[in-house]
Amino acid sequence: MKGKDLMHLLRVVAIVSGVISITLGLTVLIGWYTGAVILIQVYPAFVPMQYNTALGFLLSGTAI
């Protein structure tokens, strides 16, 4: 029974990680299309996320 619970937990963690990755990628891509700096750059002193990186997050989340 313990192995079944562990597999279920790992599946849930994988799904949640994929959804978070997809959400982050889509948010930054929307920021690039709309020109909203707040969606691309979290804090003014930080480097903005590049378009290719956001696309990578989106594709990685989809693959998970």
PDB file of N, CA and C in Angstrom:
ATOM      1  N   MET A   1       0.820  -1.198   0.000  1.00  0.00           N
ATOM      2  CA  MET A   1       0.000   0.000   0.000  1.00  0.00           C
ATOM      3  C   MET A   1       0.866   1.264   0.000  1.00  0.00           C
ATOM      4  N   LYS A   2       2.005   1.206   0.670  1.00  0.00           N
ATOM      5  CA  LYS A   2       2.872   2.378   0.759  1.00  0.00           C
ATOM      6  C   LYS A   2       3.450   2.758  -0.602  1.00  0.00           C
ATOM      7  N   GLY A   3       3.829   1.780  -1.420  1.00  0.00           N
ATOM      8  CA  GLY A   3       4.360   2.059  -2.748  1.00  0.00           C
ATOM      9  C   GLY A   3       3.340   2.728  -3.642  1.00  0.00           C
ATOM     10  N   LYS A   4       2.089   2.351  -3.516  1.00  0.00           N
ATOM     11  CA  LYS A   4       1.014   2.940  -4.315  1.00  0.00           C
ATOM     12  C   LYS A   4       0.804   4.409  -3.927  1.00  0.00           C
ATOM     13  N   ASP A   5       0.870   4.693  -2.628  1.00  0.00           N
ATOM     14  CA  ASP A   5       0.726   6.071  -2.168  1.00  0.00           C
ATOM     15  C   ASP A   5       1.878   6.938  -2.649  1.00  0.00           C
ATOM     16  N   LEU A   6       3.082   6.381  -2.630  1.00  0.00           N
ATOM     17  CA  LEU A   6       4.256   7.123  -3.091  1.00  0.00           C
ATOM     18  C   LEU A   6       4.150   7.432  -4.583  1.00  0.00           C
ATOM     19  N   MET A   7       3.714   6.481  -5.371  1.00  0.00           N
ATOM     20  CA  MET A   7       3.553   6.704  -6.814  1.00  0.00           C
ATOM     21  C   MET A   7       2.500   7.777  -7.080  1.00  0.00           C
ATOM     22  N   HIS A   8       1.434   7.767  -6.302  1.00  0.00           N
ATOM     23  CA  HIS A   8       0.391   8.783  -6.462  1.00  0.00           C
ATOM     24  C   HIS A   8       0.941  10.169  -6.113  1.00  0.00           C
ATOM     25  N   LEU A   9       1.701  10.252  -5.028  1.00  0.00           N
ATOM     26  CA  LEU A   9       2.295  11.521  -4.629  1.00  0.00           C
ATOM     27  C   LEU A   9       3.259  12.040  -5.690  1.00  0.00           C
ATOM     28  N   LEU A  10       4.091  11.162  -6.232  1.00  0.00           N
ATOM     29  CA  LEU A  10       5.038  11.573  -7.269  1.00  0.00           C
ATOM     30  C   LEU A  10       4.319  12.034  -8.533  1.00  0.00           C
ATOM     31  N   ARG A  11       3.229  11.388  -8.863  1.00  0.00           N
ATOM     32  CA  ARG A  11       2.451  11.797 -10.044  1.00  0.00           C
ATOM     33  C   ARG A  11       1.843  13.183  -9.831  1.00  0.00           C
ATOM     34  N   VAL A  12       1.329  13.431  -8.641  1.00  0.00           N
ATOM     35  CA  VAL A  12       0.750  14.741  -8.336  1.00  0.00           C
ATOM     36  C   VAL A  12       1.822  15.824  -8.376  1.00  0.00           C
ATOM     37  N   VAL A  13       2.995  15.542  -7.813  1.00  0.00           N
ATOM     38  CA  VAL A  13       4.094  16.517  -7.832  1.00  0.00           C
ATOM     39  C   VAL A  13       4.520  16.812  -9.265  1.00  0.00           C
ATOM     40  N   ALA A  14       4.582  15.800 -10.104  1.00  0.00           N
ATOM     41  CA  ALA A  14       4.962  16.006 -11.505  1.00  0.00           C
ATOM     42  C   ALA A  14       3.932  16.864 -12.236  1.00  0.00           C
ATOM     43  N   ILE A  15       2.673  16.602 -12.003  1.00  0.00           N
ATOM     44  CA  ILE A  15       1.619  17.377 -12.668  1.00  0.00           C
ATOM     45  C   ILE A  15       1.635  18.830 -12.210  1.00  0.00           C
ATOM     46  N   VAL A  16       1.782  19.040 -10.903  1.00  0.00           N
ATOM     47  CA  VAL A  16       1.826  20.404 -10.374  1.00  0.00           C
ATOM     48  C   VAL A  16       3.047  21.148 -10.916  1.00  0.00           C
ATOM     49  N   SER A  17       4.187  20.486 -10.979  1.00  0.00           N
ATOM     50  CA  SER A  17       5.392  21.114 -11.524  1.00  0.00           C
ATOM     51  C   SER A  17       5.205  21.498 -12.988  1.00  0.00           C
ATOM     52  N   GLY A  18       4.582  20.625 -13.754  1.00  0.00           N
ATOM     53  CA  GLY A  18       4.325  20.930 -15.154  1.00  0.00           C
ATOM     54  C   GLY A  18       3.389  22.109 -15.327  1.00  0.00           C
ATOM     55  N   VAL A  19       2.349  22.163 -14.511  1.00  0.00           N
ATOM     56  CA  VAL A  19       1.387  23.271 -14.597  1.00  0.00           C
ATOM     57  C   VAL A  19       2.049  24.594 -14.209  1.00  0.00           C
ATOM     58  N   ILE A  20       2.888  24.572 -13.179  1.00  0.00           N
ATOM     59  CA  ILE A  20       3.594  25.793 -12.779  1.00  0.00           C
ATOM     60  C   ILE A  20       4.534  26.249 -13.891  1.00  0.00           C
ATOM     61  N   SER A  21       5.226  25.326 -14.518  1.00  0.00           N
ATOM     62  CA  SER A  21       6.140  25.666 -15.603  1.00  0.00           C
ATOM     63  C   SER A  21       5.386  26.243 -16.797  1.00  0.00           C
ATOM     64  N   ILE A  22       4.272  25.641 -17.143  1.00  0.00           N
ATOM     65  CA  ILE A  22       3.450  26.145 -18.255  1.00  0.00           C
ATOM     66  C   ILE A  22       2.923  27.540 -17.936  1.00  0.00           C
ATOM     67  N   THR A  23       2.450  27.734 -16.711  1.00  0.00           N
ATOM     68  CA  THR A  23       1.916  29.036 -16.306  1.00  0.00           C
ATOM     69  C   THR A  23       2.985  30.116 -16.360  1.00  0.00           C
ATOM     70  N   LEU A  24       4.177  29.809 -15.869  1.00  0.00           N
ATOM     71  CA  LEU A  24       5.268  30.777 -15.913  1.00  0.00           C
ATOM     72  C   LEU A  24       5.632  31.120 -17.355  1.00  0.00           C
ATOM     73  N   GLY A  25       5.757  30.107 -18.191  1.00  0.00           N
ATOM     74  CA  GLY A  25       6.094  30.344 -19.591  1.00  0.00           C
ATOM     75  C   GLY A  25       5.047  31.177 -20.309  1.00  0.00           C
ATOM     76  N   LEU A  26       3.783  30.843 -20.101  1.00  0.00           N
ATOM     77  CA  LEU A  26       2.714  31.604 -20.752  1.00  0.00           C
ATOM     78  C   LEU A  26       2.648  33.041 -20.259  1.00  0.00           C
ATOM     79  N   THR A  27       2.859  33.227 -18.964  1.00  0.00           N
ATOM     80  CA  THR A  27       2.824  34.578 -18.410  1.00  0.00           C
ATOM     81  C   THR A  27       3.907  35.455 -19.022  1.00  0.00           C
ATOM     82  N   VAL A  28       5.104  34.930 -19.139  1.00  0.00           N
ATOM     83  CA  VAL A  28       6.198  35.725 -19.713  1.00  0.00           C
ATOM     84  C   VAL A  28       5.977  35.945 -21.209  1.00  0.00           C
ATOM     85  N   LEU A  29       5.475  34.938 -21.911  1.00  0.00           N
ATOM     86  CA  LEU A  29       5.202  35.122 -23.343  1.00  0.00           C
ATOM     87  C   LEU A  29       4.125  36.177 -23.561  1.00  0.00           C
ATOM     88  N   ILE A  30       3.100  36.173 -22.723  1.00  0.00           N
ATOM     89  CA  ILE A  30       2.067  37.213 -22.820  1.00  0.00           C
ATOM     90  C   ILE A  30       2.677  38.576 -22.540  1.00  0.00           C
ATOM     91  N   GLY A  31       3.589  38.622 -21.579  1.00  0.00           N
ATOM     92  CA  GLY A  31       4.283  39.875 -21.290  1.00  0.00           C
ATOM     93  C   GLY A  31       5.082  40.373 -22.483  1.00  0.00           C
ATOM     94  N   TRP A  32       5.740  39.464 -23.204  1.00  0.00           N
ATOM     95  CA  TRP A  32       6.497  39.863 -24.395  1.00  0.00           C
ATOM     96  C   TRP A  32       5.566  40.367 -25.494  1.00  0.00           C
ATOM     97  N   TYR A  33       4.415  39.709 -25.680  1.00  0.00           N
ATOM     98  CA  TYR A  33       3.501  40.132 -26.747  1.00  0.00           C
ATOM     99  C   TYR A  33       2.808  41.452 -26.431  1.00  0.00           C
ATOM    100  N   THR A  34       2.509  41.670 -25.147  1.00  0.00           N
ATOM    101  CA  THR A  34       1.800  42.892 -24.786  1.00  0.00           C
ATOM    102  C   THR A  34       2.736  44.036 -24.412  1.00  0.00           C
ATOM    103  N   GLY A  35       4.005  43.730 -24.186  1.00  0.00           N
ATOM    104  CA  GLY A  35       4.958  44.759 -23.801  1.00  0.00           C
ATOM    105  C   GLY A  35       4.881  45.121 -22.319  1.00  0.00           C
ATOM    106  N   ALA A  36       4.257  44.266 -21.519  1.00  0.00           N
ATOM    107  CA  ALA A  36       4.128  44.513 -20.081  1.00  0.00           C
ATOM    108  C   ALA A  36       5.420  44.091 -19.383  1.00  0.00           C
ATOM    109  N   VAL A  37       6.193  45.068 -18.971  1.00  0.00           N
ATOM    110  CA  VAL A  37       7.492  44.796 -18.350  1.00  0.00           C
ATOM    111  C   VAL A  37       7.325  44.037 -17.038  1.00  0.00           C
ATOM    112  N   ILE A  38       6.250  44.276 -16.314  1.00  0.00           N
ATOM    113  CA  ILE A  38       6.027  43.613 -15.028  1.00  0.00           C
ATOM    114  C   ILE A  38       5.896  42.099 -15.196  1.00  0.00           C
ATOM    115  N   LEU A  39       5.457  41.633 -16.353  1.00  0.00           N
ATOM    116  CA  LEU A  39       5.336  40.195 -16.595  1.00  0.00           C
ATOM    117  C   LEU A  39       6.651  39.576 -17.060  1.00  0.00           C
ATOM    118  N   ILE A  40       7.540  40.390 -17.571  1.00  0.00           N
ATOM    119  CA  ILE A  40       8.816  39.899 -18.086  1.00  0.00           C
ATOM    120  C   ILE A  40       9.915  39.989 -17.033  1.00  0.00           C
ATOM    121  N   GLN A  41       9.853  41.038 -16.235  1.00  0.00           N
ATOM    122  CA  GLN A  41      10.905  41.333 -15.270  1.00  0.00           C
ATOM    123  C   GLN A  41      10.259  41.486 -13.890  1.00  0.00           C
ATOM    124  N   VAL A  42      10.563  40.573 -12.978  1.00  0.00           N
ATOM    125  CA  VAL A  42       9.916  40.561 -11.669  1.00  0.00           C
ATOM    126  C   VAL A  42      10.262  41.809 -10.853  1.00  0.00           C
ATOM    127  N   TYR A  43      11.518  42.187 -10.854  1.00  0.00           N
ATOM    128  CA  TYR A  43      12.004  43.318 -10.078  1.00  0.00           C
ATOM    129  C   TYR A  43      12.917  44.133 -10.992  1.00  0.00           C
ATOM    130  N   PRO A  44      12.841  45.466 -10.927  1.00  0.00           N
ATOM    131  CA  PRO A  44      13.634  46.277 -11.873  1.00  0.00           C
ATOM    132  C   PRO A  44      15.142  45.987 -11.871  1.00  0.00           C
ATOM    133  N   ALA A  45      15.686  45.535 -10.758  1.00  0.00           N
ATOM    134  CA  ALA A  45      17.124  45.255 -10.714  1.00  0.00           C
ATOM    135  C   ALA A  45      17.470  43.886 -11.307  1.00  0.00           C
ATOM    136  N   PHE A  46      16.465  43.056 -11.514  1.00  0.00           N
ATOM    137  CA  PHE A  46      16.696  41.715 -12.058  1.00  0.00           C
ATOM    138  C   PHE A  46      16.739  41.749 -13.581  1.00  0.00           C
ATOM    139  N   VAL A  47      17.380  40.756 -14.148  1.00  0.00           N
ATOM    140  CA  VAL A  47      17.438  40.624 -15.600  1.00  0.00           C
ATOM    141  C   VAL A  47      16.094  40.073 -16.089  1.00  0.00           C
ATOM    142  N   PRO A  48      15.529  40.627 -17.173  1.00  0.00           N
ATOM    143  CA  PRO A  48      14.256  40.098 -17.673  1.00  0.00           C
ATOM    144  C   PRO A  48      14.431  38.718 -18.282  1.00  0.00           C
ATOM    145  N   MET A  49      13.378  37.907 -18.213  1.00  0.00           N
ATOM    146  CA  MET A  49      13.434  36.575 -18.809  1.00  0.00           C
ATOM    147  C   MET A  49      13.345  36.713 -20.330  1.00  0.00           C
ATOM    148  N   GLN A  50      14.200  36.015 -21.018  1.00  0.00           N
ATOM    149  CA  GLN A  50      14.224  36.066 -22.475  1.00  0.00           C
ATOM    150  C   GLN A  50      13.051  35.276 -23.063  1.00  0.00           C
ATOM    151  N   TYR A  51      12.692  35.617 -24.283  1.00  0.00           N
ATOM    152  CA  TYR A  51      11.580  34.963 -24.972  1.00  0.00           C
ATOM    153  C   TYR A  51      11.844  33.461 -25.122  1.00  0.00           C
ATOM    154  N   ASN A  52      13.061  33.109 -25.511  1.00  0.00           N
ATOM    155  CA  ASN A  52      13.398  31.695 -25.708  1.00  0.00           C
ATOM    156  C   ASN A  52      13.316  30.905 -24.405  1.00  0.00           C
ATOM    157  N   THR A  53      13.682  31.517 -23.300  1.00  0.00           N
ATOM    158  CA  THR A  53      13.604  30.854 -22.009  1.00  0.00           C
ATOM    159  C   THR A  53      12.151  30.589 -21.637  1.00  0.00           C
ATOM    160  N   ALA A  54      11.291  31.564 -21.868  1.00  0.00           N
ATOM    161  CA  ALA A  54       9.866  31.386 -21.588  1.00  0.00           C
ATOM    162  C   ALA A  54       9.285  30.275 -22.461  1.00  0.00           C
ATOM    163  N   LEU A  55       9.706  30.229 -23.700  1.00  0.00           N
ATOM    164  CA  LEU A  55       9.245  29.169 -24.594  1.00  0.00           C
ATOM    165  C   LEU A  55       9.740  27.809 -24.107  1.00  0.00           C
ATOM    166  N   GLY A  56      10.960  27.767 -23.589  1.00  0.00           N
ATOM    167  CA  GLY A  56      11.498  26.533 -23.014  1.00  0.00           C
ATOM    168  C   GLY A  56      10.714  26.073 -21.802  1.00  0.00           C
ATOM    169  N   PHE A  57      10.324  26.999 -20.923  1.00  0.00           N
ATOM    170  CA  PHE A  57       9.488  26.652 -19.778  1.00  0.00           C
ATOM    171  C   PHE A  57       8.150  26.086 -20.243  1.00  0.00           C
ATOM    172  N   LEU A  58       7.566  26.707 -21.250  1.00  0.00           N
ATOM    173  CA  LEU A  58       6.279  26.251 -21.772  1.00  0.00           C
ATOM    174  C   LEU A  58       6.393  24.837 -22.347  1.00  0.00           C
ATOM    175  N   LEU A  59       7.405  24.590 -23.142  1.00  0.00           N
ATOM    176  CA  LEU A  59       7.575  23.270 -23.752  1.00  0.00           C
ATOM    177  C   LEU A  59       7.958  22.206 -22.725  1.00  0.00           C
ATOM    178  N   SER A  60       8.775  22.581 -21.752  1.00  0.00           N
ATOM    179  CA  SER A  60       9.158  21.626 -20.710  1.00  0.00           C
ATOM    180  C   SER A  60       7.958  21.235 -19.848  1.00  0.00           C
ATOM    181  N   GLY A  61       7.155  22.204 -19.507  1.00  0.00           N
ATOM    182  CA  GLY A  61       5.948  21.909 -18.741  1.00  0.00           C
ATOM    183  C   GLY A  61       4.981  21.031 -19.497  1.00  0.00           C
ATOM    184  N   THR A  62       4.896  21.250 -20.798  1.00  0.00           N
ATOM    185  CA  THR A  62       4.033  20.407 -21.633  1.00  0.00           C
ATOM    186  C   THR A  62       4.577  18.990 -21.692  1.00  0.00           C
ATOM    187  N   ALA A  63       5.890  18.859 -21.759  1.00  0.00           N
ATOM    188  CA  ALA A  63       6.490  17.526 -21.820  1.00  0.00           C
ATOM    189  C   ALA A  63       6.304  16.758 -20.508  1.00  0.00           C
ATOM    190  N   ILE A  64       6.340  17.471 -19.395  1.00  0.00           N
ATOM    191  CA  ILE A  64       6.149  16.804 -18.096  1.00  0.00           C
ATOM    192  C   ILE A  64       4.726  16.305 -18.015  1.00  0.00           C
TER     193      ILE A  64
END
